[in-house]
Structures are given as structure tokens and as C-alpha cells.
Amino acid sequence: MARRYSAGVTARQPSLPLLWLLSDARNDAGLEDALRALPRGSGFVFRHYHLDPVARRARFDELAKVARACGHLVILSGKDDWGADGHYGPPENLGEGLRLATAHNGEELQAAIDAGADGIFLSPVFPTASHPGAKLLGPLGFNVLAQQSPVPVIALGGMTYERARELGWPRWGAIDGLGSTNAA
């Protein structure tokens, strides 16, 4: 059974990783190297929406093995019970274990909080290949929303080490910005 984490900002603050790598068709070929390049204890979110269910499960098993060998948390997008440490997605679609919701504005952020999310990926902060042309939060918009959250917020959307420094936010994740050649 997956672990259950608590949420909140005071005594209940979970020790969520500060750095998160999210999988995608774009970064699939380099994921093993990217996982090994992350600091020990980072987080890995397996998405891989582009694969059929059988191939998706096989790829999850391969990458989860590498991630765990590196001491990373393994989070699965969707409700499947594949032995992940938790689940990622819209608040209404989260499974057991650590519950990491997605949000793109204040209403979605509040819905994630109300649903009992343990952490919230808030995006897009900067322009991103995942959502070209999407309305951006920008550093100011992100910080205004994130500072109001009683649960940890993870910046997402066009994030790199340089942009994380610019944003001044400790928790962030990336798809392309954490490839093995982008590690700092």
C-alpha cells in the first residue's frame, strides 16, 4: 500500500521534495539519465500519456526502479495502483498515497486544497512547450497564489534552474528543464 502524507504549513508540513521531474513523450529517451542526475530524494511524476496501457505500465516499472534506486519519490498520474508513492492530476482524479494535484488559477488551487491535496503543481509560470500559448501566471501571479496556499505549492511550466532562481520559490518541477544535460 502506498504511503499517506499529511498536508499543511505548520506542524503538518510534509517533507515534499523540492525538485520534481515529470515524464513526457518529449523527455522519454533521456529519463534514466535525468533521474540519475537529480539530487537524491527528489520527486518523479510518471505521466507518459502517449503510451497504450500495457506499454505505459512496462515503462512505469522500468523508470520507477531507477527512481527508487536514486532515492526519489515515485508518483503516478492517474488512479492505477502500481505501487507508486502517490498520485498526480486534477483533484477529482487522485488515488491513494501522496496526493499531488494540478492547478492553473486561483479557483483550481482552492479546489485542490478543498480536495485534501498534499501538494499542488501550479502552472504555467513561464512559457512552456506543454501548453503553447496558454495564459501564464508569471512570477508575480504565481507568488500571489502560492503564498496563499496552506499546502506546499510546486512551480511548473517552463521551469529551469535559472528560472527557479528568478522565481525565488524553493519547490519546482520540469519536463524539459531537468533533462540530464540541464542539471546544474
C-alpha atoms as a PDB file:
ATOM      1  CA  MET A   1       0.000   0.000   0.000  1.00  0.00           C
ATOM      2  CA  ALA A   2       1.217   3.497  -0.799  1.00  0.00           C
ATOM      3  CA  ARG A   3       2.250   5.865   1.979  1.00  0.00           C
ATOM      4  CA  ARG A   4      -0.124   8.612   3.080  1.00  0.00           C
ATOM      5  CA  TYR A   5       1.334  12.035   3.764  1.00  0.00           C
ATOM      6  CA  SER A   6      -0.251  14.890   5.641  1.00  0.00           C
ATOM      7  CA  ALA A   7      -0.655  18.414   4.327  1.00  0.00           C
ATOM      8  CA  GLY A   8      -0.430  21.871   5.857  1.00  0.00           C
ATOM      9  CA  VAL A   9       2.106  24.528   6.603  1.00  0.00           C
ATOM     10  CA  THR A  10       2.831  24.222  10.299  1.00  0.00           C
ATOM     11  CA  ALA A  11       3.366  21.034  12.253  1.00  0.00           C
ATOM     12  CA  ARG A  12       1.758  19.019   9.475  1.00  0.00           C
ATOM     13  CA  GLN A  13       4.113  20.222   6.716  1.00  0.00           C
ATOM     14  CA  PRO A  14       5.140  17.205   4.657  1.00  0.00           C
ATOM     15  CA  SER A  15       8.712  16.830   3.601  1.00  0.00           C
ATOM     16  CA  LEU A  16       7.900  17.011  -0.078  1.00  0.00           C
ATOM     17  CA  PRO A  17      10.928  17.066  -2.339  1.00  0.00           C
ATOM     18  CA  LEU A  18      11.998  20.466  -3.596  1.00  0.00           C
ATOM     19  CA  LEU A  19      12.762  19.218  -7.114  1.00  0.00           C
ATOM     20  CA  TRP A  20      10.412  17.247  -9.382  1.00  0.00           C
ATOM     21  CA  LEU A  21      10.950  15.643 -12.787  1.00  0.00           C
ATOM     22  CA  LEU A  22       7.808  14.965 -14.813  1.00  0.00           C
ATOM     23  CA  SER A  23       7.789  12.463 -17.643  1.00  0.00           C
ATOM     24  CA  ASP A  24       6.509  13.138 -21.135  1.00  0.00           C
ATOM     25  CA  ALA A  25       6.974  11.808 -24.666  1.00  0.00           C
ATOM     26  CA  ARG A  26       9.455  14.677 -25.230  1.00  0.00           C
ATOM     27  CA  ASN A  27      11.867  13.616 -22.492  1.00  0.00           C
ATOM     28  CA  ASP A  28      11.358   9.846 -22.538  1.00  0.00           C
ATOM     29  CA  ALA A  29      14.631   8.947 -24.248  1.00  0.00           C
ATOM     30  CA  GLY A  30      16.722  10.618 -21.543  1.00  0.00           C
ATOM     31  CA  LEU A  31      14.702   9.872 -18.413  1.00  0.00           C
ATOM     32  CA  GLU A  32      17.029   7.286 -16.890  1.00  0.00           C
ATOM     33  CA  ASP A  33      19.972   9.716 -17.123  1.00  0.00           C
ATOM     34  CA  ALA A  34      17.840  12.620 -15.902  1.00  0.00           C
ATOM     35  CA  LEU A  35      16.690  10.610 -12.870  1.00  0.00           C
ATOM     36  CA  ARG A  36      20.278   9.735 -12.007  1.00  0.00           C
ATOM     37  CA  ALA A  37      21.308  13.396 -12.333  1.00  0.00           C
ATOM     38  CA  LEU A  38      18.707  14.640  -9.822  1.00  0.00           C
ATOM     39  CA  PRO A  39      19.703  15.184  -6.204  1.00  0.00           C
ATOM     40  CA  ARG A  40      18.864  12.172  -4.037  1.00  0.00           C
ATOM     41  CA  GLY A  41      15.376  12.484  -2.574  1.00  0.00           C
ATOM     42  CA  SER A  42      13.840  14.360  -5.497  1.00  0.00           C
ATOM     43  CA  GLY A  43      10.405  13.535  -6.883  1.00  0.00           C
ATOM     44  CA  PHE A  44       9.448  11.816 -10.126  1.00  0.00           C
ATOM     45  CA  VAL A  45       5.985  12.105 -11.692  1.00  0.00           C
ATOM     46  CA  PHE A  46       5.284   9.438 -14.296  1.00  0.00           C
ATOM     47  CA  ARG A  47       2.772  10.673 -16.891  1.00  0.00           C
ATOM     48  CA  HIS A  48       3.509   9.057 -20.281  1.00  0.00           C
ATOM     49  CA  TYR A  49       0.012   9.672 -21.654  1.00  0.00           C
ATOM     50  CA  HIS A  50       1.236   8.850 -25.144  1.00  0.00           C
ATOM     51  CA  LEU A  51       1.618   5.108 -24.464  1.00  0.00           C
ATOM     52  CA  ASP A  52      -1.011   2.395 -24.614  1.00  0.00           C
ATOM     53  CA  PRO A  53      -1.854   0.857 -21.189  1.00  0.00           C
ATOM     54  CA  VAL A  54       0.447  -2.181 -21.473  1.00  0.00           C
ATOM     55  CA  ALA A  55       3.452  -0.177 -22.695  1.00  0.00           C
ATOM     56  CA  ARG A  56       2.722   2.544 -20.140  1.00  0.00           C
ATOM     57  CA  ARG A  57       2.805   0.054 -17.266  1.00  0.00           C
ATOM     58  CA  ALA A  58       6.039  -1.519 -18.524  1.00  0.00           C
ATOM     59  CA  ARG A  59       7.707   1.897 -18.851  1.00  0.00           C
ATOM     60  CA  PHE A  60       6.487   2.874 -15.386  1.00  0.00           C
ATOM     61  CA  ASP A  61       8.071  -0.235 -13.890  1.00  0.00           C
ATOM     62  CA  GLU A  62      11.403   0.493 -15.634  1.00  0.00           C
ATOM     63  CA  LEU A  63      11.553   4.120 -14.559  1.00  0.00           C
ATOM     64  CA  ALA A  64      10.235   3.523 -11.035  1.00  0.00           C
ATOM     65  CA  LYS A  65      13.074   1.060 -10.465  1.00  0.00           C
ATOM     66  CA  VAL A  66      15.669   3.667 -11.487  1.00  0.00           C
ATOM     67  CA  ALA A  67      13.952   6.427  -9.489  1.00  0.00           C
ATOM     68  CA  ARG A  68      13.788   4.338  -6.328  1.00  0.00           C
ATOM     69  CA  ALA A  69      17.434   3.298  -6.689  1.00  0.00           C
ATOM     70  CA  CYS A  70      18.212   7.029  -6.639  1.00  0.00           C
ATOM     71  CA  GLY A  71      16.100   7.585  -3.522  1.00  0.00           C
ATOM     72  CA  HIS A  72      13.329   9.524  -5.312  1.00  0.00           C
ATOM     73  CA  LEU A  73       9.601   9.535  -4.599  1.00  0.00           C
ATOM     74  CA  VAL A  74       7.613   7.944  -7.436  1.00  0.00           C
ATOM     75  CA  ILE A  75       4.248   9.492  -8.266  1.00  0.00           C
ATOM     76  CA  LEU A  76       1.837   8.148 -10.891  1.00  0.00           C
ATOM     77  CA  SER A  77      -0.570  10.203 -12.964  1.00  0.00           C
ATOM     78  CA  GLY A  78      -3.975   8.563 -12.694  1.00  0.00           C
ATOM     79  CA  LYS A  79      -5.624   6.281 -10.164  1.00  0.00           C
ATOM     80  CA  ASP A  80      -3.935   2.984 -11.065  1.00  0.00           C
ATOM     81  CA  ASP A  81      -2.402   1.084  -8.161  1.00  0.00           C
ATOM     82  CA  TRP A  82       1.050   0.240  -9.495  1.00  0.00           C
ATOM     83  CA  GLY A  83       2.911   0.626  -6.214  1.00  0.00           C
ATOM     84  CA  ALA A  84       3.637   4.331  -6.583  1.00  0.00           C
ATOM     85  CA  ASP A  85       4.144   6.542  -3.534  1.00  0.00           C
ATOM     86  CA  GLY A  86       1.160   8.608  -4.631  1.00  0.00           C
ATOM     87  CA  HIS A  87      -0.829  10.117  -7.477  1.00  0.00           C
ATOM     88  CA  TYR A  88      -0.833  13.271  -9.628  1.00  0.00           C
ATOM     89  CA  GLY A  89      -3.596  15.018 -11.516  1.00  0.00           C
ATOM     90  CA  PRO A  90      -6.772  17.037 -11.146  1.00  0.00           C
ATOM     91  CA  PRO A  91      -8.136  16.919  -7.578  1.00  0.00           C
ATOM     92  CA  GLU A  92     -11.071  14.716  -8.553  1.00  0.00           C
ATOM     93  CA  ASN A  93      -8.749  12.135 -10.128  1.00  0.00           C
ATOM     94  CA  LEU A  94      -6.271  11.469  -7.318  1.00  0.00           C
ATOM     95  CA  GLY A  95      -5.709   7.975  -5.964  1.00  0.00           C
ATOM     96  CA  GLU A  96      -4.161   6.705  -2.730  1.00  0.00           C
ATOM     97  CA  GLY A  97      -0.903   7.802  -1.114  1.00  0.00           C
ATOM     98  CA  LEU A  98       0.654  11.205  -1.599  1.00  0.00           C
ATOM     99  CA  ARG A  99      -1.903  13.317  -3.484  1.00  0.00           C
ATOM    100  CA  LEU A 100      -0.370  15.917  -5.801  1.00  0.00           C
ATOM    101  CA  ALA A 101      -2.986  17.986  -7.582  1.00  0.00           C
ATOM    102  CA  THR A 102      -2.676  20.231 -10.608  1.00  0.00           C
ATOM    103  CA  ALA A 103      -3.963  23.812 -10.733  1.00  0.00           C
ATOM    104  CA  HIS A 104      -3.759  26.679 -13.196  1.00  0.00           C
ATOM    105  CA  ASN A 105      -5.558  29.501 -11.377  1.00  0.00           C
ATOM    106  CA  GLY A 106      -6.994  30.510  -8.025  1.00  0.00           C
ATOM    107  CA  GLU A 107     -10.221  28.514  -8.412  1.00  0.00           C
ATOM    108  CA  GLU A 108      -8.367  25.308  -9.257  1.00  0.00           C
ATOM    109  CA  LEU A 109      -5.895  25.945  -6.439  1.00  0.00           C
ATOM    110  CA  GLN A 110      -8.800  26.241  -3.973  1.00  0.00           C
ATOM    111  CA  ALA A 111     -10.417  23.082  -5.379  1.00  0.00           C
ATOM    112  CA  ALA A 112      -7.163  21.184  -4.805  1.00  0.00           C
ATOM    113  CA  ILE A 113      -6.947  22.489  -1.237  1.00  0.00           C
ATOM    114  CA  ASP A 114     -10.598  21.568  -0.607  1.00  0.00           C
ATOM    115  CA  ALA A 115      -9.974  18.066  -2.008  1.00  0.00           C
ATOM    116  CA  GLY A 116      -7.204  17.478   0.534  1.00  0.00           C
ATOM    117  CA  ALA A 117      -4.219  17.585  -1.803  1.00  0.00           C
ATOM    118  CA  ASP A 118      -0.848  17.121  -0.099  1.00  0.00           C
ATOM    119  CA  GLY A 119       0.854  19.352  -2.666  1.00  0.00           C
ATOM    120  CA  ILE A 120      -0.186  21.332  -5.724  1.00  0.00           C
ATOM    121  CA  PHE A 121       1.611  21.782  -9.046  1.00  0.00           C
ATOM    122  CA  LEU A 122       0.693  25.355 -10.039  1.00  0.00           C
ATOM    123  CA  SER A 123       1.291  26.235 -13.686  1.00  0.00           C
ATOM    124  CA  PRO A 124       2.211  27.570 -16.129  1.00  0.00           C
ATOM    125  CA  VAL A 125       4.584  30.041 -14.554  1.00  0.00           C
ATOM    126  CA  PHE A 126       6.623  30.658 -17.726  1.00  0.00           C
ATOM    127  CA  PRO A 127       6.066  29.784 -21.419  1.00  0.00           C
ATOM    128  CA  THR A 128       6.094  26.021 -21.857  1.00  0.00           C
ATOM    129  CA  ALA A 129       6.118  23.523 -24.704  1.00  0.00           C
ATOM    130  CA  SER A 130       3.382  21.549 -22.908  1.00  0.00           C
ATOM    131  CA  HIS A 131       0.840  24.355 -23.232  1.00  0.00           C
ATOM    132  CA  PRO A 132       1.953  26.733 -26.001  1.00  0.00           C
ATOM    133  CA  GLY A 133       0.038  29.992 -25.920  1.00  0.00           C
ATOM    134  CA  ALA A 134      -1.510  29.276 -22.500  1.00  0.00           C
ATOM    135  CA  LYS A 135      -2.227  32.181 -20.173  1.00  0.00           C
ATOM    136  CA  LEU A 136       0.831  32.488 -17.936  1.00  0.00           C
ATOM    137  CA  LEU A 137       0.811  33.120 -14.216  1.00  0.00           C
ATOM    138  CA  GLY A 138       4.184  34.839 -14.399  1.00  0.00           C
ATOM    139  CA  PRO A 139       6.372  35.211 -11.300  1.00  0.00           C
ATOM    140  CA  LEU A 140       4.083  37.742  -9.600  1.00  0.00           C
ATOM    141  CA  GLY A 141       0.849  35.845 -10.275  1.00  0.00           C
ATOM    142  CA  PHE A 142       2.422  32.578  -9.191  1.00  0.00           C
ATOM    143  CA  ASN A 143       3.781  34.018  -5.935  1.00  0.00           C
ATOM    144  CA  VAL A 144       0.483  35.726  -5.051  1.00  0.00           C
ATOM    145  CA  LEU A 145      -1.412  32.436  -5.403  1.00  0.00           C
ATOM    146  CA  ALA A 146       1.261  30.156  -3.951  1.00  0.00           C
ATOM    147  CA  GLN A 147       1.727  32.238  -0.804  1.00  0.00           C
ATOM    148  CA  GLN A 148      -1.995  31.890  -0.036  1.00  0.00           C
ATOM    149  CA  SER A 149      -1.915  28.090  -0.087  1.00  0.00           C
ATOM    150  CA  PRO A 150      -1.934  26.173   3.207  1.00  0.00           C
ATOM    151  CA  VAL A 151      -0.339  23.215   1.403  1.00  0.00           C
ATOM    152  CA  PRO A 152       3.004  23.098  -0.438  1.00  0.00           C
ATOM    153  CA  VAL A 153       2.952  24.506  -3.970  1.00  0.00           C
ATOM    154  CA  ILE A 154       5.285  23.270  -6.703  1.00  0.00           C
ATOM    155  CA  ALA A 155       6.050  25.697  -9.543  1.00  0.00           C
ATOM    156  CA  LEU A 156       5.645  24.199 -13.011  1.00  0.00           C
ATOM    157  CA  GLY A 157       5.692  25.486 -16.547  1.00  0.00           C
ATOM    158  CA  GLY A 158       8.872  26.470 -18.342  1.00  0.00           C
ATOM    159  CA  MET A 159      10.931  25.898 -15.219  1.00  0.00           C
ATOM    160  CA  THR A 160      14.720  25.538 -15.267  1.00  0.00           C
ATOM    161  CA  TYR A 161      17.338  26.074 -12.573  1.00  0.00           C
ATOM    162  CA  GLU A 162      17.773  29.668 -13.787  1.00  0.00           C
ATOM    163  CA  ARG A 163      14.039  30.381 -13.777  1.00  0.00           C
ATOM    164  CA  ALA A 164      13.641  28.799 -10.326  1.00  0.00           C
ATOM    165  CA  ARG A 165      16.227  31.287  -9.024  1.00  0.00           C
ATOM    166  CA  GLU A 166      14.374  34.119 -10.789  1.00  0.00           C
ATOM    167  CA  LEU A 167      11.069  32.987  -9.290  1.00  0.00           C
ATOM    168  CA  GLY A 168      12.533  32.694  -5.799  1.00  0.00           C
ATOM    169  CA  TRP A 169      10.397  29.645  -4.996  1.00  0.00           C
ATOM    170  CA  PRO A 170      12.015  26.559  -3.431  1.00  0.00           C
ATOM    171  CA  ARG A 171       9.755  23.815  -4.877  1.00  0.00           C
ATOM    172  CA  TRP A 172       9.610  23.364  -8.609  1.00  0.00           C
ATOM    173  CA  GLY A 173       9.308  20.784 -11.330  1.00  0.00           C
ATOM    174  CA  ALA A 174      10.034  20.460 -15.019  1.00  0.00           C
ATOM    175  CA  ILE A 175       9.745  18.221 -18.035  1.00  0.00           C
ATOM    176  CA  ASP A 176      12.311  19.644 -20.439  1.00  0.00           C
ATOM    177  CA  GLY A 177      14.172  21.823 -17.893  1.00  0.00           C
ATOM    178  CA  LEU A 178      15.553  18.862 -15.950  1.00  0.00           C
ATOM    179  CA  GLY A 179      16.953  16.751 -18.734  1.00  0.00           C
ATOM    180  CA  SER A 180      20.325  15.198 -17.974  1.00  0.00           C
ATOM    181  CA  THR A 181      22.027  17.959 -19.952  1.00  0.00           C
ATOM    182  CA  ASN A 182      20.191  20.689 -17.998  1.00  0.00           C
ATOM    183  CA  ALA A 183      21.239  19.712 -14.476  1.00  0.00           C
ATOM    184  CA  ALA A 184      23.064  22.387 -12.541  1.00  0.00           C
END
